[in-house]
Amino acid sequence: MTTPNDLTDKALAIFAFAMFHQLSGGEVVSAVMTADASGHRIDPKAASELQRLGLAQISGDKLIFTPAGALMLSQLVDRLRGHW
């Protein structure tokens, strides 16, 4: 089973971005855009890492969290809130 300790910082940054949107928007995030109109892009190597580990899939311009990736995102949010 993959844990956050197994991820590179750039892969963790994708989760941090998703966590920001989930916490600020109040809704569960299931996907993030791979690029936006402002020129922000997720790191392609980090996206490949998440795909290789079974945590996400790329579909068009979205990185979609798999069930394992969604669980990790949920667990990271819980840990940030102090729930262990």
PDB file of N, CA and C in Angstrom:
ATOM      1  N   MET A   1       0.837  -1.179   0.000  1.00  0.00           N
ATOM      2  CA  MET A   1       0.000   0.000   0.000  1.00  0.00           C
ATOM      3  C   MET A   1       0.883   1.244   0.000  1.00  0.00           C
ATOM      4  N   THR A   2       0.579   2.175  -0.861  1.00  0.00           N
ATOM      5  CA  THR A   2       1.333   3.420  -0.962  1.00  0.00           C
ATOM      6  C   THR A   2       0.923   4.364   0.161  1.00  0.00           C
ATOM      7  N   THR A   3       1.916   4.997   0.759  1.00  0.00           N
ATOM      8  CA  THR A   3       1.657   5.999   1.795  1.00  0.00           C
ATOM      9  C   THR A   3       2.240   7.336   1.342  1.00  0.00           C
ATOM     10  N   PRO A   4       1.866   8.433   1.995  1.00  0.00           N
ATOM     11  CA  PRO A   4       2.461   9.725   1.633  1.00  0.00           C
ATOM     12  C   PRO A   4       3.984   9.722   1.727  1.00  0.00           C
ATOM     13  N   ASN A   5       4.541   8.894   2.607  1.00  0.00           N
ATOM     14  CA  ASN A   5       5.999   8.815   2.737  1.00  0.00           C
ATOM     15  C   ASN A   5       6.665   8.285   1.473  1.00  0.00           C
ATOM     16  N   ASP A   6       5.897   7.581   0.631  1.00  0.00           N
ATOM     17  CA  ASP A   6       6.435   7.008  -0.606  1.00  0.00           C
ATOM     18  C   ASP A   6       6.460   8.016  -1.757  1.00  0.00           C
ATOM     19  N   LEU A   7       5.836   9.176  -1.581  1.00  0.00           N
ATOM     20  CA  LEU A   7       5.669  10.131  -2.680  1.00  0.00           C
ATOM     21  C   LEU A   7       6.747  11.194  -2.686  1.00  0.00           C
ATOM     22  N   THR A   8       7.082  11.648  -3.878  1.00  0.00           N
ATOM     23  CA  THR A   8       7.990  12.784  -4.004  1.00  0.00           C
ATOM     24  C   THR A   8       7.258  14.054  -3.576  1.00  0.00           C
ATOM     25  N   ASP A   9       8.015  15.094  -3.326  1.00  0.00           N
ATOM     26  CA  ASP A   9       7.398  16.369  -2.939  1.00  0.00           C
ATOM     27  C   ASP A   9       6.464  16.897  -4.029  1.00  0.00           C
ATOM     28  N   LYS A  10       6.838  16.704  -5.285  1.00  0.00           N
ATOM     29  CA  LYS A  10       5.989  17.217  -6.371  1.00  0.00           C
ATOM     30  C   LYS A  10       4.671  16.447  -6.460  1.00  0.00           C
ATOM     31  N   ALA A  11       4.700  15.148  -6.170  1.00  0.00           N
ATOM     32  CA  ALA A  11       3.461  14.380  -6.133  1.00  0.00           C
ATOM     33  C   ALA A  11       2.617  14.816  -4.939  1.00  0.00           C
ATOM     34  N   LEU A  12       3.264  15.052  -3.801  1.00  0.00           N
ATOM     35  CA  LEU A  12       2.538  15.555  -2.635  1.00  0.00           C
ATOM     36  C   LEU A  12       1.928  16.928  -2.909  1.00  0.00           C
ATOM     37  N   ALA A  13       2.604  17.727  -3.743  1.00  0.00           N
ATOM     38  CA  ALA A  13       2.084  19.055  -4.073  1.00  0.00           C
ATOM     39  C   ALA A  13       0.742  18.954  -4.795  1.00  0.00           C
ATOM     40  N   ILE A  14       0.554  17.917  -5.594  1.00  0.00           N
ATOM     41  CA  ILE A  14      -0.739  17.733  -6.263  1.00  0.00           C
ATOM     42  C   ILE A  14      -1.816  17.490  -5.208  1.00  0.00           C
ATOM     43  N   PHE A  15      -1.497  16.675  -4.202  1.00  0.00           N
ATOM     44  CA  PHE A  15      -2.447  16.455  -3.121  1.00  0.00           C
ATOM     45  C   PHE A  15      -2.671  17.738  -2.326  1.00  0.00           C
ATOM     46  N   ALA A  16      -1.610  18.516  -2.096  1.00  0.00           N
ATOM     47  CA  ALA A  16      -1.754  19.777  -1.356  1.00  0.00           C
ATOM     48  C   ALA A  16      -2.679  20.734  -2.106  1.00  0.00           C
ATOM     49  N   PHE A  17      -2.545  20.780  -3.414  1.00  0.00           N
ATOM     50  CA  PHE A  17      -3.406  21.627  -4.244  1.00  0.00           C
ATOM     51  C   PHE A  17      -4.860  21.173  -4.124  1.00  0.00           C
ATOM     52  N   ALA A  18      -5.082  19.868  -4.197  1.00  0.00           N
ATOM     53  CA  ALA A  18      -6.434  19.322  -4.065  1.00  0.00           C
ATOM     54  C   ALA A  18      -6.983  19.589  -2.663  1.00  0.00           C
ATOM     55  N   MET A  19      -6.128  19.458  -1.648  1.00  0.00           N
ATOM     56  CA  MET A  19      -6.558  19.725  -0.272  1.00  0.00           C
ATOM     57  C   MET A  19      -6.982  21.179  -0.115  1.00  0.00           C
ATOM     58  N   PHE A  20      -6.212  22.101  -0.682  1.00  0.00           N
ATOM     59  CA  PHE A  20      -6.558  23.521  -0.616  1.00  0.00           C
ATOM     60  C   PHE A  20      -7.949  23.744  -1.183  1.00  0.00           C
ATOM     61  N   HIS A  21      -8.206  23.205  -2.351  1.00  0.00           N
ATOM     62  CA  HIS A  21      -9.507  23.422  -2.981  1.00  0.00           C
ATOM     63  C   HIS A  21     -10.630  22.740  -2.203  1.00  0.00           C
ATOM     64  N   GLN A  22     -10.349  21.572  -1.664  1.00  0.00           N
ATOM     65  CA  GLN A  22     -11.370  20.866  -0.895  1.00  0.00           C
ATOM     66  C   GLN A  22     -11.708  21.635   0.386  1.00  0.00           C
ATOM     67  N   LEU A  23     -10.695  22.111   1.075  1.00  0.00           N
ATOM     68  CA  LEU A  23     -10.927  22.827   2.327  1.00  0.00           C
ATOM     69  C   LEU A  23     -11.518  24.210   2.105  1.00  0.00           C
ATOM     70  N   SER A  24     -11.075  24.899   1.070  1.00  0.00           N
ATOM     71  CA  SER A  24     -11.596  26.247   0.830  1.00  0.00           C
ATOM     72  C   SER A  24     -12.974  26.228   0.178  1.00  0.00           C
ATOM     73  N   GLY A  25     -13.278  25.172  -0.575  1.00  0.00           N
ATOM     74  CA  GLY A  25     -14.568  25.100  -1.254  1.00  0.00           C
ATOM     75  C   GLY A  25     -15.622  24.314  -0.516  1.00  0.00           C
ATOM     76  N   GLY A  26     -15.195  23.497   0.454  1.00  0.00           N
ATOM     77  CA  GLY A  26     -16.146  22.739   1.239  1.00  0.00           C
ATOM     78  C   GLY A  26     -16.733  21.524   0.559  1.00  0.00           C
ATOM     79  N   GLU A  27     -16.195  21.162  -0.590  1.00  0.00           N
ATOM     80  CA  GLU A  27     -16.682  19.985  -1.312  1.00  0.00           C
ATOM     81  C   GLU A  27     -15.525  19.036  -1.587  1.00  0.00           C
ATOM     82  N   VAL A  28     -15.842  17.747  -1.639  1.00  0.00           N
ATOM     83  CA  VAL A  28     -14.822  16.737  -1.915  1.00  0.00           C
ATOM     84  C   VAL A  28     -14.283  16.941  -3.329  1.00  0.00           C
ATOM     85  N   VAL A  29     -12.972  16.932  -3.454  1.00  0.00           N
ATOM     86  CA  VAL A  29     -12.314  17.072  -4.755  1.00  0.00           C
ATOM     87  C   VAL A  29     -12.000  15.676  -5.279  1.00  0.00           C
ATOM     88  N   SER A  30     -12.439  15.401  -6.497  1.00  0.00           N
ATOM     89  CA  SER A  30     -12.176  14.094  -7.102  1.00  0.00           C
ATOM     90  C   SER A  30     -11.178  14.187  -8.252  1.00  0.00           C
ATOM     91  N   ALA A  31     -10.890  15.426  -8.688  1.00  0.00           N
ATOM     92  CA  ALA A  31      -9.974  15.635  -9.818  1.00  0.00           C
ATOM     93  C   ALA A  31      -9.428  17.052  -9.753  1.00  0.00           C
ATOM     94  N   VAL A  32      -8.283  17.255 -10.394  1.00  0.00           N
ATOM     95  CA  VAL A  32      -7.714  18.590 -10.550  1.00  0.00           C
ATOM     96  C   VAL A  32      -7.348  18.779 -12.021  1.00  0.00           C
ATOM     97  N   MET A  33      -7.349  20.015 -12.448  1.00  0.00           N
ATOM     98  CA  MET A  33      -6.966  20.327 -13.820  1.00  0.00           C
ATOM     99  C   MET A  33      -5.449  20.152 -13.964  1.00  0.00           C
ATOM    100  N   THR A  34      -5.030  19.654 -15.106  1.00  0.00           N
ATOM    101  CA  THR A  34      -3.588  19.508 -15.338  1.00  0.00           C
ATOM    102  C   THR A  34      -2.951  20.845 -15.701  1.00  0.00           C
ATOM    103  N   ALA A  35      -3.759  21.787 -16.191  1.00  0.00           N
ATOM    104  CA  ALA A  35      -3.284  23.131 -16.527  1.00  0.00           C
ATOM    105  C   ALA A  35      -4.472  24.073 -16.491  1.00  0.00           C
ATOM    106  N   ASP A  36      -4.199  25.348 -16.170  1.00  0.00           N
ATOM    107  CA  ASP A  36      -5.290  26.324 -16.178  1.00  0.00           C
ATOM    108  C   ASP A  36      -4.944  27.493 -17.094  1.00  0.00           C
ATOM    109  N   ALA A  37      -5.879  28.396 -17.238  1.00  0.00           N
ATOM    110  CA  ALA A  37      -5.709  29.529 -18.151  1.00  0.00           C
ATOM    111  C   ALA A  37      -4.635  30.504 -17.681  1.00  0.00           C
ATOM    112  N   SER A  38      -4.257  30.439 -16.419  1.00  0.00           N
ATOM    113  CA  SER A  38      -3.231  31.326 -15.881  1.00  0.00           C
ATOM    114  C   SER A  38      -1.821  30.795 -16.092  1.00  0.00           C
ATOM    115  N   GLY A  39      -1.712  29.620 -16.679  1.00  0.00           N
ATOM    116  CA  GLY A  39      -0.401  29.045 -16.936  1.00  0.00           C
ATOM    117  C   GLY A  39       0.098  28.090 -15.869  1.00  0.00           C
ATOM    118  N   HIS A  40      -0.712  27.829 -14.849  1.00  0.00           N
ATOM    119  CA  HIS A  40      -0.323  26.864 -13.826  1.00  0.00           C
ATOM    120  C   HIS A  40      -0.486  25.461 -14.378  1.00  0.00           C
ATOM    121  N   ARG A  41       0.499  24.617 -14.125  1.00  0.00           N
ATOM    122  CA  ARG A  41       0.471  23.231 -14.606  1.00  0.00           C
ATOM    123  C   ARG A  41       0.972  22.298 -13.509  1.00  0.00           C
ATOM    124  N   ILE A  42       0.378  21.109 -13.450  1.00  0.00           N
ATOM    125  CA  ILE A  42       0.932  20.116 -12.539  1.00  0.00           C
ATOM    126  C   ILE A  42       2.184  19.532 -13.192  1.00  0.00           C
ATOM    127  N   ASP A  43       3.084  19.092 -12.383  1.00  0.00           N
ATOM    128  CA  ASP A  43       4.329  18.535 -12.887  1.00  0.00           C
ATOM    129  C   ASP A  43       4.038  17.204 -13.592  1.00  0.00           C
ATOM    130  N   PRO A  44       4.438  17.060 -14.860  1.00  0.00           N
ATOM    131  CA  PRO A  44       4.156  15.827 -15.588  1.00  0.00           C
ATOM    132  C   PRO A  44       4.770  14.582 -14.952  1.00  0.00           C
ATOM    133  N   LYS A  45       5.967  14.725 -14.371  1.00  0.00           N
ATOM    134  CA  LYS A  45       6.593  13.575 -13.705  1.00  0.00           C
ATOM    135  C   LYS A  45       5.806  13.180 -12.460  1.00  0.00           C
ATOM    136  N   ALA A  46       5.295  14.167 -11.733  1.00  0.00           N
ATOM    137  CA  ALA A  46       4.491  13.878 -10.543  1.00  0.00           C
ATOM    138  C   ALA A  46       3.185  13.202 -10.938  1.00  0.00           C
ATOM    139  N   ALA A  47       2.577  13.666 -12.024  1.00  0.00           N
ATOM    140  CA  ALA A  47       1.341  13.044 -12.512  1.00  0.00           C
ATOM    141  C   ALA A  47       1.612  11.593 -12.920  1.00  0.00           C
ATOM    142  N   SER A  48       2.725  11.361 -13.595  1.00  0.00           N
ATOM    143  CA  SER A  48       3.100   9.997 -13.986  1.00  0.00           C
ATOM    144  C   SER A  48       3.338   9.124 -12.763  1.00  0.00           C
ATOM    145  N   GLU A  49       3.958   9.701 -11.748  1.00  0.00           N
ATOM    146  CA  GLU A  49       4.198   8.966 -10.501  1.00  0.00           C
ATOM    147  C   GLU A  49       2.875   8.514  -9.880  1.00  0.00           C
ATOM    148  N   LEU A  50       1.920   9.431  -9.803  1.00  0.00           N
ATOM    149  CA  LEU A  50       0.625   9.088  -9.213  1.00  0.00           C
ATOM    150  C   LEU A  50      -0.103   8.033 -10.041  1.00  0.00           C
ATOM    151  N   GLN A  51       0.040   8.122 -11.356  1.00  0.00           N
ATOM    152  CA  GLN A  51      -0.566   7.099 -12.222  1.00  0.00           C
ATOM    153  C   GLN A  51       0.100   5.740 -11.985  1.00  0.00           C
ATOM    154  N   ARG A  52       1.422   5.729 -11.961  1.00  0.00           N
ATOM    155  CA  ARG A  52       2.175   4.484 -11.780  1.00  0.00           C
ATOM    156  C   ARG A  52       1.828   3.812 -10.459  1.00  0.00           C
ATOM    157  N   LEU A  53       1.563   4.612  -9.435  1.00  0.00           N
ATOM    158  CA  LEU A  53       1.244   4.081  -8.124  1.00  0.00           C
ATOM    159  C   LEU A  53      -0.248   3.771  -7.956  1.00  0.00           C
ATOM    160  N   GLY A  54      -1.031   4.019  -9.003  1.00  0.00           N
ATOM    161  CA  GLY A  54      -2.458   3.710  -8.956  1.00  0.00           C
ATOM    162  C   GLY A  54      -3.283   4.702  -8.163  1.00  0.00           C
ATOM    163  N   LEU A  55      -2.771   5.923  -7.993  1.00  0.00           N
ATOM    164  CA  LEU A  55      -3.475   6.934  -7.217  1.00  0.00           C
ATOM    165  C   LEU A  55      -4.276   7.906  -8.080  1.00  0.00           C
ATOM    166  N   ALA A  56      -3.985   7.948  -9.370  1.00  0.00           N
ATOM    167  CA  ALA A  56      -4.669   8.882 -10.263  1.00  0.00           C
ATOM    168  C   ALA A  56      -4.598   8.390 -11.696  1.00  0.00           C
ATOM    169  N   GLN A  57      -5.473   8.962 -12.509  1.00  0.00           N
ATOM    170  CA  GLN A  57      -5.477   8.723 -13.952  1.00  0.00           C
ATOM    171  C   GLN A  57      -5.601  10.074 -14.640  1.00  0.00           C
ATOM    172  N   ILE A  58      -5.010  10.193 -15.801  1.00  0.00           N
ATOM    173  CA  ILE A  58      -5.165  11.402 -16.602  1.00  0.00           C
ATOM    174  C   ILE A  58      -6.241  11.140 -17.642  1.00  0.00           C
ATOM    175  N   SER A  59      -7.181  12.056 -17.720  1.00  0.00           N
ATOM    176  CA  SER A  59      -8.230  11.988 -18.736  1.00  0.00           C
ATOM    177  C   SER A  59      -8.403  13.386 -19.305  1.00  0.00           C
ATOM    178  N   GLY A  60      -7.951  13.559 -20.533  1.00  0.00           N
ATOM    179  CA  GLY A  60      -8.013  14.888 -21.139  1.00  0.00           C
ATOM    180  C   GLY A  60      -7.169  15.863 -20.350  1.00  0.00           C
ATOM    181  N   ASP A  61      -7.802  16.933 -19.857  1.00  0.00           N
ATOM    182  CA  ASP A  61      -7.076  17.954 -19.103  1.00  0.00           C
ATOM    183  C   ASP A  61      -7.275  17.824 -17.592  1.00  0.00           C
ATOM    184  N   LYS A  62      -7.644  16.619 -17.148  1.00  0.00           N
ATOM    185  CA  LYS A  62      -7.864  16.398 -15.720  1.00  0.00           C
ATOM    186  C   LYS A  62      -7.034  15.240 -15.194  1.00  0.00           C
ATOM    187  N   LEU A  63      -6.561  15.400 -13.967  1.00  0.00           N
ATOM    188  CA  LEU A  63      -5.983  14.311 -13.217  1.00  0.00           C
ATOM    189  C   LEU A  63      -7.091  13.874 -12.260  1.00  0.00           C
ATOM    190  N   ILE A  64      -7.548  12.653 -12.436  1.00  0.00           N
ATOM    191  CA  ILE A  64      -8.667  12.135 -11.652  1.00  0.00           C
ATOM    192  C   ILE A  64      -8.123  11.148 -10.629  1.00  0.00           C
ATOM    193  N   PHE A  65      -8.463  11.376  -9.370  1.00  0.00           N
ATOM    194  CA  PHE A  65      -8.013  10.477  -8.322  1.00  0.00           C
ATOM    195  C   PHE A  65      -8.758   9.151  -8.411  1.00  0.00           C
ATOM    196  N   THR A  66      -8.023   8.057  -8.331  1.00  0.00           N
ATOM    197  CA  THR A  66      -8.616   6.722  -8.266  1.00  0.00           C
ATOM    198  C   THR A  66      -9.186   6.550  -6.853  1.00  0.00           C
ATOM    199  N   PRO A  67      -9.895   5.459  -6.586  1.00  0.00           N
ATOM    200  CA  PRO A  67     -10.349   5.236  -5.214  1.00  0.00           C
ATOM    201  C   PRO A  67      -9.199   5.278  -4.197  1.00  0.00           C
ATOM    202  N   ALA A  68      -8.055   4.717  -4.541  1.00  0.00           N
ATOM    203  CA  ALA A  68      -6.899   4.754  -3.631  1.00  0.00           C
ATOM    204  C   ALA A  68      -6.396   6.187  -3.447  1.00  0.00           C
ATOM    205  N   GLY A  69      -6.385   6.964  -4.516  1.00  0.00           N
ATOM    206  CA  GLY A  69      -5.958   8.357  -4.424  1.00  0.00           C
ATOM    207  C   GLY A  69      -6.948   9.197  -3.634  1.00  0.00           C
ATOM    208  N   ALA A  70      -8.245   8.944  -3.831  1.00  0.00           N
ATOM    209  CA  ALA A  70      -9.275   9.666  -3.084  1.00  0.00           C
ATOM    210  C   ALA A  70      -9.177   9.348  -1.592  1.00  0.00           C
ATOM    211  N   LEU A  71      -8.873   8.084  -1.269  1.00  0.00           N
ATOM    212  CA  LEU A  71      -8.696   7.698   0.129  1.00  0.00           C
ATOM    213  C   LEU A  71      -7.492   8.419   0.725  1.00  0.00           C
ATOM    214  N   MET A  72      -6.388   8.474  -0.025  1.00  0.00           N
ATOM    215  CA  MET A  72      -5.205   9.165   0.479  1.00  0.00           C
ATOM    216  C   MET A  72      -5.509  10.646   0.692  1.00  0.00           C
ATOM    217  N   LEU A  73      -6.212  11.269  -0.239  1.00  0.00           N
ATOM    218  CA  LEU A  73      -6.580  12.679  -0.094  1.00  0.00           C
ATOM    219  C   LEU A  73      -7.417  12.867   1.172  1.00  0.00           C
ATOM    220  N   SER A  74      -8.384  12.012   1.377  1.00  0.00           N
ATOM    221  CA  SER A  74      -9.240  12.086   2.561  1.00  0.00           C
ATOM    222  C   SER A  74      -8.423  11.927   3.840  1.00  0.00           C
ATOM    223  N   GLN A  75      -7.499  10.988   3.832  1.00  0.00           N
ATOM    224  CA  GLN A  75      -6.660  10.758   5.010  1.00  0.00           C
ATOM    225  C   GLN A  75      -5.740  11.947   5.280  1.00  0.00           C
ATOM    226  N   LEU A  76      -5.220  12.560   4.223  1.00  0.00           N
ATOM    227  CA  LEU A  76      -4.362  13.736   4.403  1.00  0.00           C
ATOM    228  C   LEU A  76      -5.159  14.897   4.990  1.00  0.00           C
ATOM    229  N   VAL A  77      -6.378  15.092   4.520  1.00  0.00           N
ATOM    230  CA  VAL A  77      -7.228  16.144   5.069  1.00  0.00           C
ATOM    231  C   VAL A  77      -7.517  15.853   6.542  1.00  0.00           C
ATOM    232  N   ASP A  78      -7.843  14.616   6.852  1.00  0.00           N
ATOM    233  CA  ASP A  78      -8.102  14.243   8.250  1.00  0.00           C
ATOM    234  C   ASP A  78      -6.885  14.516   9.124  1.00  0.00           C
ATOM    235  N   ARG A  79      -5.706  14.191   8.633  1.00  0.00           N
ATOM    236  CA  ARG A  79      -4.482  14.416   9.412  1.00  0.00           C
ATOM    237  C   ARG A  79      -4.235  15.905   9.613  1.00  0.00           C
ATOM    238  N   LEU A  80      -4.505  16.703   8.588  1.00  0.00           N
ATOM    239  CA  LEU A  80      -4.333  18.141   8.708  1.00  0.00           C
ATOM    240  C   LEU A  80      -5.260  18.696   9.785  1.00  0.00           C
ATOM    241  N   ARG A  81      -6.437  18.118   9.886  1.00  0.00           N
ATOM    242  CA  ARG A  81      -7.401  18.529  10.903  1.00  0.00           C
ATOM    243  C   ARG A  81      -7.062  17.975  12.287  1.00  0.00           C
ATOM    244  N   GLY A  82      -6.068  17.110  12.371  1.00  0.00           N
ATOM    245  CA  GLY A  82      -5.654  16.544  13.648  1.00  0.00           C
ATOM    246  C   GLY A  82      -6.333  15.233  13.987  1.00  0.00           C
ATOM    247  N   HIS A  83      -7.005  14.621  13.028  1.00  0.00           N
ATOM    248  CA  HIS A  83      -7.647  13.328  13.244  1.00  0.00           C
ATOM    249  C   HIS A  83      -6.672  12.242  12.800  1.00  0.00           C
ATOM    250  N   TRP A  84      -6.304  11.369  13.678  1.00  0.00           N
ATOM    251  CA  TRP A  84      -5.353  10.306  13.343  1.00  0.00           C
ATOM    252  C   TRP A  84      -6.070   9.015  13.363  1.00  0.00           C
TER     253      TRP A  84
END
